[in-house]
N, C-alpha and C. Protein backbone atom coordinates (compact mmCIF):
# COMPACT_ATOMS: atom_id res chain seq x y z
N UNK A 1 90.67 11.40 30.05
CA UNK A 1 90.61 12.00 31.37
C UNK A 1 89.62 11.22 32.22
N UNK A 2 90.05 10.72 33.36
CA UNK A 2 89.18 10.00 34.27
C UNK A 2 88.67 10.98 35.32
N UNK A 3 87.37 10.94 35.56
CA UNK A 3 86.73 11.84 36.51
C UNK A 3 86.15 11.01 37.63
N UNK A 4 86.38 11.43 38.87
CA UNK A 4 85.86 10.72 40.03
C UNK A 4 84.52 11.30 40.44
N UNK A 5 83.52 10.45 40.53
CA UNK A 5 82.20 10.82 41.05
C UNK A 5 82.11 10.29 42.47
N UNK A 6 81.51 11.05 43.36
CA UNK A 6 81.21 10.56 44.69
C UNK A 6 82.45 10.35 45.53
N UNK A 7 82.32 9.48 46.52
CA UNK A 7 83.40 9.18 47.44
C UNK A 7 83.64 7.69 47.51
N UNK A 8 84.52 7.26 48.40
CA UNK A 8 84.90 5.85 48.46
C UNK A 8 83.79 4.92 48.90
N UNK A 9 82.76 5.42 49.55
CA UNK A 9 81.67 4.57 50.03
C UNK A 9 80.49 4.51 49.07
N UNK A 10 80.62 5.12 47.90
CA UNK A 10 79.52 5.18 46.95
C UNK A 10 79.85 4.31 45.75
N UNK A 11 78.93 3.41 45.39
CA UNK A 11 79.15 2.53 44.25
C UNK A 11 78.35 3.04 43.06
N UNK A 12 79.04 3.66 42.10
CA UNK A 12 78.42 4.16 40.89
C UNK A 12 79.16 3.60 39.69
N UNK A 13 78.57 3.69 38.51
CA UNK A 13 79.11 2.99 37.34
C UNK A 13 80.31 3.66 36.69
N UNK A 14 80.96 2.87 35.82
CA UNK A 14 81.94 3.43 34.90
C UNK A 14 81.16 4.05 33.76
N UNK A 15 81.48 5.27 33.42
CA UNK A 15 80.73 6.02 32.41
C UNK A 15 81.72 6.75 31.53
N UNK A 16 81.49 6.71 30.20
CA UNK A 16 82.33 7.44 29.26
C UNK A 16 81.45 8.45 28.52
N UNK A 17 81.94 9.68 28.41
CA UNK A 17 81.23 10.72 27.69
C UNK A 17 82.05 11.06 26.45
N UNK A 18 81.51 10.77 25.27
CA UNK A 18 82.20 11.05 24.00
C UNK A 18 82.26 12.56 23.76
N UNK A 19 83.24 13.02 22.98
CA UNK A 19 83.38 14.47 22.73
C UNK A 19 82.12 15.14 22.18
N UNK A 20 81.40 14.47 21.29
CA UNK A 20 80.17 15.08 20.74
C UNK A 20 79.11 15.25 21.82
N UNK A 21 79.01 14.29 22.74
CA UNK A 21 78.05 14.40 23.85
C UNK A 21 78.47 15.51 24.81
N UNK A 22 79.77 15.61 25.07
CA UNK A 22 80.27 16.68 25.93
C UNK A 22 79.92 18.05 25.34
N UNK A 23 80.11 18.21 24.04
CA UNK A 23 79.79 19.47 23.37
C UNK A 23 78.30 19.78 23.49
N UNK A 24 77.45 18.77 23.28
CA UNK A 24 76.00 18.95 23.40
C UNK A 24 75.61 19.37 24.82
N UNK A 25 76.18 18.71 25.83
CA UNK A 25 75.87 19.03 27.22
C UNK A 25 76.34 20.44 27.57
N UNK A 26 77.49 20.84 27.04
CA UNK A 26 77.97 22.21 27.27
C UNK A 26 77.01 23.24 26.69
N UNK A 27 76.45 22.94 25.54
CA UNK A 27 75.50 23.87 24.91
C UNK A 27 74.25 24.04 25.76
N UNK A 28 73.81 22.96 26.40
CA UNK A 28 72.65 23.05 27.29
C UNK A 28 72.92 24.06 28.39
N UNK A 29 74.10 23.95 29.00
CA UNK A 29 74.46 24.88 30.07
C UNK A 29 74.62 26.30 29.52
N UNK A 30 75.30 26.42 28.41
CA UNK A 30 75.57 27.75 27.82
C UNK A 30 74.28 28.50 27.51
N UNK A 31 73.32 27.81 26.91
CA UNK A 31 72.07 28.46 26.50
C UNK A 31 71.03 28.54 27.61
N UNK A 32 71.36 28.00 28.78
CA UNK A 32 70.39 28.01 29.89
C UNK A 32 70.26 29.39 30.52
N UNK A 33 71.29 30.20 30.39
CA UNK A 33 71.27 31.51 31.03
C UNK A 33 71.64 31.46 32.50
N UNK A 34 72.02 30.29 33.00
CA UNK A 34 72.41 30.15 34.40
C UNK A 34 73.81 30.72 34.60
N UNK A 35 74.16 31.08 35.84
CA UNK A 35 75.47 31.68 36.10
C UNK A 35 76.61 30.68 35.89
N UNK A 36 77.81 31.21 35.83
CA UNK A 36 79.01 30.40 35.72
C UNK A 36 79.03 29.35 36.82
N UNK A 37 79.46 28.15 36.50
CA UNK A 37 79.50 27.06 37.48
C UNK A 37 78.29 26.16 37.41
N UNK A 38 77.30 26.51 36.58
CA UNK A 38 76.13 25.64 36.42
C UNK A 38 76.55 24.36 35.71
N UNK A 39 75.70 23.34 35.77
CA UNK A 39 76.00 22.07 35.13
C UNK A 39 74.73 21.42 34.60
N UNK A 40 74.87 20.16 34.23
CA UNK A 40 73.74 19.40 33.68
C UNK A 40 73.41 18.25 34.62
N UNK A 41 72.14 18.14 34.96
CA UNK A 41 71.64 16.99 35.73
C UNK A 41 71.10 15.99 34.72
N UNK A 42 71.66 14.78 34.74
CA UNK A 42 71.35 13.75 33.78
C UNK A 42 70.56 12.64 34.46
N UNK A 43 69.26 12.60 34.17
CA UNK A 43 68.37 11.58 34.74
C UNK A 43 68.08 10.54 33.65
N UNK A 44 68.40 9.30 33.91
CA UNK A 44 68.24 8.22 32.95
C UNK A 44 67.18 7.25 33.43
N UNK A 45 66.34 6.80 32.50
CA UNK A 45 65.37 5.75 32.81
C UNK A 45 65.31 4.78 31.64
N UNK A 46 64.87 3.58 31.91
CA UNK A 46 64.73 2.58 30.87
C UNK A 46 63.51 2.92 30.03
N UNK A 47 63.72 2.99 28.71
CA UNK A 47 62.63 3.34 27.81
C UNK A 47 62.00 2.13 27.16
N UNK A 48 62.43 0.92 27.51
CA UNK A 48 61.92 -0.28 26.88
C UNK A 48 62.69 -0.62 25.62
N UNK A 49 62.60 -1.84 25.19
CA UNK A 49 63.29 -2.31 23.96
C UNK A 49 64.77 -1.99 24.02
N UNK A 50 65.40 -2.14 25.18
CA UNK A 50 66.83 -1.91 25.36
C UNK A 50 67.25 -0.48 25.06
N UNK A 51 66.35 0.46 25.13
CA UNK A 51 66.66 1.87 24.90
C UNK A 51 66.60 2.62 26.23
N UNK A 52 67.24 3.77 26.27
CA UNK A 52 67.21 4.62 27.45
C UNK A 52 66.58 5.95 27.10
N UNK A 53 65.93 6.54 28.09
CA UNK A 53 65.40 7.89 27.96
C UNK A 53 66.20 8.77 28.90
N UNK A 54 66.56 9.95 28.42
CA UNK A 54 67.36 10.87 29.22
C UNK A 54 66.60 12.17 29.41
N UNK A 55 66.62 12.66 30.63
CA UNK A 55 66.10 13.98 30.94
C UNK A 55 67.30 14.83 31.33
N UNK A 56 67.53 15.91 30.60
CA UNK A 56 68.67 16.78 30.81
C UNK A 56 68.17 18.12 31.32
N UNK A 57 68.70 18.55 32.44
CA UNK A 57 68.26 19.80 33.05
C UNK A 57 69.49 20.61 33.43
N UNK A 58 69.57 21.85 32.97
CA UNK A 58 70.64 22.74 33.42
C UNK A 58 70.29 23.22 34.82
N UNK A 59 71.23 23.05 35.75
CA UNK A 59 71.01 23.41 37.15
C UNK A 59 72.25 24.11 37.69
N UNK A 60 72.06 24.85 38.77
CA UNK A 60 73.20 25.55 39.38
C UNK A 60 73.98 24.67 40.34
N UNK A 61 73.35 23.61 40.86
CA UNK A 61 74.02 22.74 41.83
C UNK A 61 73.34 21.38 41.86
N UNK A 62 74.04 20.42 42.44
CA UNK A 62 73.48 19.08 42.59
C UNK A 62 72.29 19.12 43.54
N UNK A 63 71.34 18.23 43.31
CA UNK A 63 70.23 18.06 44.25
C UNK A 63 70.64 17.04 45.30
N UNK A 64 69.91 17.01 46.38
CA UNK A 64 70.20 16.06 47.44
C UNK A 64 70.22 14.63 46.89
N UNK A 65 71.30 13.90 47.16
CA UNK A 65 71.45 12.53 46.69
C UNK A 65 72.15 12.40 45.35
N UNK A 66 72.40 13.51 44.65
CA UNK A 66 73.11 13.47 43.38
C UNK A 66 74.61 13.29 43.63
N UNK A 67 75.27 12.69 42.65
CA UNK A 67 76.73 12.66 42.62
C UNK A 67 77.16 13.68 41.59
N UNK A 68 78.32 14.29 41.80
CA UNK A 68 78.79 15.35 40.91
C UNK A 68 80.19 15.04 40.42
N UNK A 69 80.49 15.46 39.20
CA UNK A 69 81.83 15.33 38.63
C UNK A 69 82.01 16.41 37.58
N UNK A 70 83.26 16.57 37.14
CA UNK A 70 83.57 17.50 36.07
C UNK A 70 84.34 16.77 34.99
N UNK A 71 84.01 17.07 33.75
CA UNK A 71 84.78 16.59 32.60
C UNK A 71 85.19 17.83 31.84
N UNK A 72 86.49 18.12 31.88
CA UNK A 72 87.02 19.31 31.20
C UNK A 72 86.25 20.57 31.58
N UNK A 73 85.90 20.70 32.85
CA UNK A 73 85.20 21.88 33.34
C UNK A 73 83.69 21.82 33.25
N UNK A 74 83.15 20.81 32.57
CA UNK A 74 81.70 20.63 32.49
C UNK A 74 81.24 19.88 33.73
N UNK A 75 80.32 20.49 34.49
CA UNK A 75 79.81 19.85 35.71
C UNK A 75 78.63 18.95 35.35
N UNK A 76 78.70 17.69 35.81
CA UNK A 76 77.64 16.71 35.60
C UNK A 76 77.10 16.29 36.95
N UNK A 77 75.77 16.17 37.03
CA UNK A 77 75.11 15.71 38.24
C UNK A 77 74.27 14.49 37.87
N UNK A 78 74.40 13.43 38.63
CA UNK A 78 73.70 12.20 38.34
C UNK A 78 72.95 11.72 39.57
N UNK A 79 71.62 11.59 39.48
CA UNK A 79 70.87 11.00 40.59
C UNK A 79 71.31 9.55 40.79
N UNK A 80 71.37 9.13 42.03
CA UNK A 80 71.82 7.78 42.35
C UNK A 80 71.03 6.71 41.61
N UNK A 81 69.72 6.90 41.44
CA UNK A 81 68.89 5.89 40.79
C UNK A 81 69.23 5.70 39.32
N UNK A 82 69.88 6.68 38.70
CA UNK A 82 70.28 6.58 37.30
C UNK A 82 71.59 5.80 37.13
N UNK A 83 72.37 5.71 38.20
CA UNK A 83 73.70 5.10 38.14
C UNK A 83 73.73 3.68 37.64
N UNK A 84 72.81 2.86 38.08
CA UNK A 84 72.79 1.46 37.68
C UNK A 84 72.65 1.31 36.17
N UNK A 85 71.83 2.13 35.57
CA UNK A 85 71.58 2.04 34.13
C UNK A 85 72.79 2.47 33.30
N UNK A 86 73.68 3.28 33.86
CA UNK A 86 74.80 3.82 33.10
C UNK A 86 76.08 3.00 33.20
N UNK A 87 76.10 1.95 34.00
CA UNK A 87 77.32 1.19 34.22
C UNK A 87 77.88 0.62 32.91
N UNK A 88 79.11 1.02 32.59
CA UNK A 88 79.79 0.52 31.41
C UNK A 88 79.36 1.13 30.10
N UNK A 89 78.55 2.18 30.14
CA UNK A 89 78.04 2.77 28.90
C UNK A 89 78.87 3.97 28.44
N UNK A 90 78.77 4.23 27.15
CA UNK A 90 79.30 5.44 26.55
C UNK A 90 78.12 6.30 26.13
N UNK A 91 78.15 7.56 26.52
CA UNK A 91 77.14 8.52 26.08
C UNK A 91 77.74 9.28 24.91
N UNK A 92 77.03 9.31 23.79
CA UNK A 92 77.47 10.03 22.61
C UNK A 92 76.31 10.89 22.10
N UNK A 93 76.58 11.72 21.12
CA UNK A 93 75.55 12.54 20.50
C UNK A 93 75.59 12.31 19.01
N UNK A 94 74.43 12.07 18.41
CA UNK A 94 74.34 11.91 16.95
C UNK A 94 73.39 12.96 16.40
N UNK A 95 73.70 13.39 15.18
CA UNK A 95 72.84 14.35 14.48
C UNK A 95 72.81 13.94 13.02
N UNK A 96 71.80 13.17 12.67
CA UNK A 96 71.64 12.67 11.31
C UNK A 96 70.23 13.03 10.83
N UNK A 97 69.94 12.85 9.55
CA UNK A 97 68.57 13.11 9.09
C UNK A 97 67.53 12.23 9.78
N UNK A 98 67.95 11.06 10.25
CA UNK A 98 67.01 10.14 10.89
C UNK A 98 66.87 10.37 12.40
N UNK A 99 67.91 10.93 13.02
CA UNK A 99 67.90 11.03 14.48
C UNK A 99 68.85 12.11 14.96
N UNK A 100 68.43 12.78 16.03
CA UNK A 100 69.30 13.75 16.67
C UNK A 100 69.12 13.62 18.18
N UNK A 101 70.22 13.40 18.89
CA UNK A 101 70.14 13.30 20.34
C UNK A 101 71.22 12.43 20.93
N UNK A 102 71.13 12.21 22.21
CA UNK A 102 72.10 11.37 22.91
C UNK A 102 71.87 9.90 22.58
N UNK A 103 72.98 9.16 22.55
CA UNK A 103 72.92 7.71 22.40
C UNK A 103 73.66 7.08 23.57
N UNK A 104 73.28 5.89 23.91
CA UNK A 104 73.89 5.15 25.01
C UNK A 104 74.30 3.79 24.47
N UNK A 105 75.60 3.46 24.57
CA UNK A 105 76.08 2.19 24.04
C UNK A 105 77.19 1.64 24.93
N UNK A 106 77.45 0.35 24.78
CA UNK A 106 78.57 -0.27 25.50
C UNK A 106 79.86 0.08 24.79
N UNK A 107 80.91 0.36 25.56
CA UNK A 107 82.21 0.63 24.97
C UNK A 107 82.66 2.05 25.22
N UNK A 108 83.99 2.25 25.12
CA UNK A 108 84.59 3.56 25.40
C UNK A 108 84.92 4.28 24.11
N UNK A 109 84.47 5.54 24.00
CA UNK A 109 84.75 6.33 22.81
C UNK A 109 85.17 7.76 23.13
N UNK A 110 85.21 8.12 24.39
CA UNK A 110 85.51 9.52 24.71
C UNK A 110 86.07 9.67 26.10
N UNK A 111 85.80 10.79 26.73
CA UNK A 111 86.29 11.09 28.07
C UNK A 111 85.64 10.14 29.08
N UNK A 112 86.42 9.58 29.95
CA UNK A 112 85.90 8.65 30.94
C UNK A 112 85.50 9.32 32.23
N UNK A 113 84.51 8.77 32.85
CA UNK A 113 84.11 9.20 34.18
C UNK A 113 84.00 7.95 35.03
N UNK A 114 84.87 7.79 36.00
CA UNK A 114 84.83 6.63 36.87
C UNK A 114 84.13 7.01 38.16
N UNK A 115 83.09 6.32 38.46
CA UNK A 115 82.30 6.58 39.66
C UNK A 115 82.87 5.67 40.74
N UNK A 116 83.42 6.25 41.78
CA UNK A 116 84.04 5.44 42.83
C UNK A 116 83.10 5.22 43.99
């Protein structure tokens, strides 16, 4: 499923959200206690050593300057400054004895989000 972020005058990245990441993001919204229609604001920054740091916040609406999209009913909000870092990446979720959390990698493995 391809999801359109923004409008024709906005340049944002191609982004893929894997099913495990979608499930994790849904749980954030579900357990937030926010009303129906809430979503996740995904703020990405460079963490050094080719890694990314993500700040995930359940919110009721996009903040000024955010782009919004839905993947299978899950609302995602992305600040414009995070867009450059996400171009061409796949967001996935891993849960192993060594690590638990979101991962960011090149390549498509799940639901696509095309930022137009």
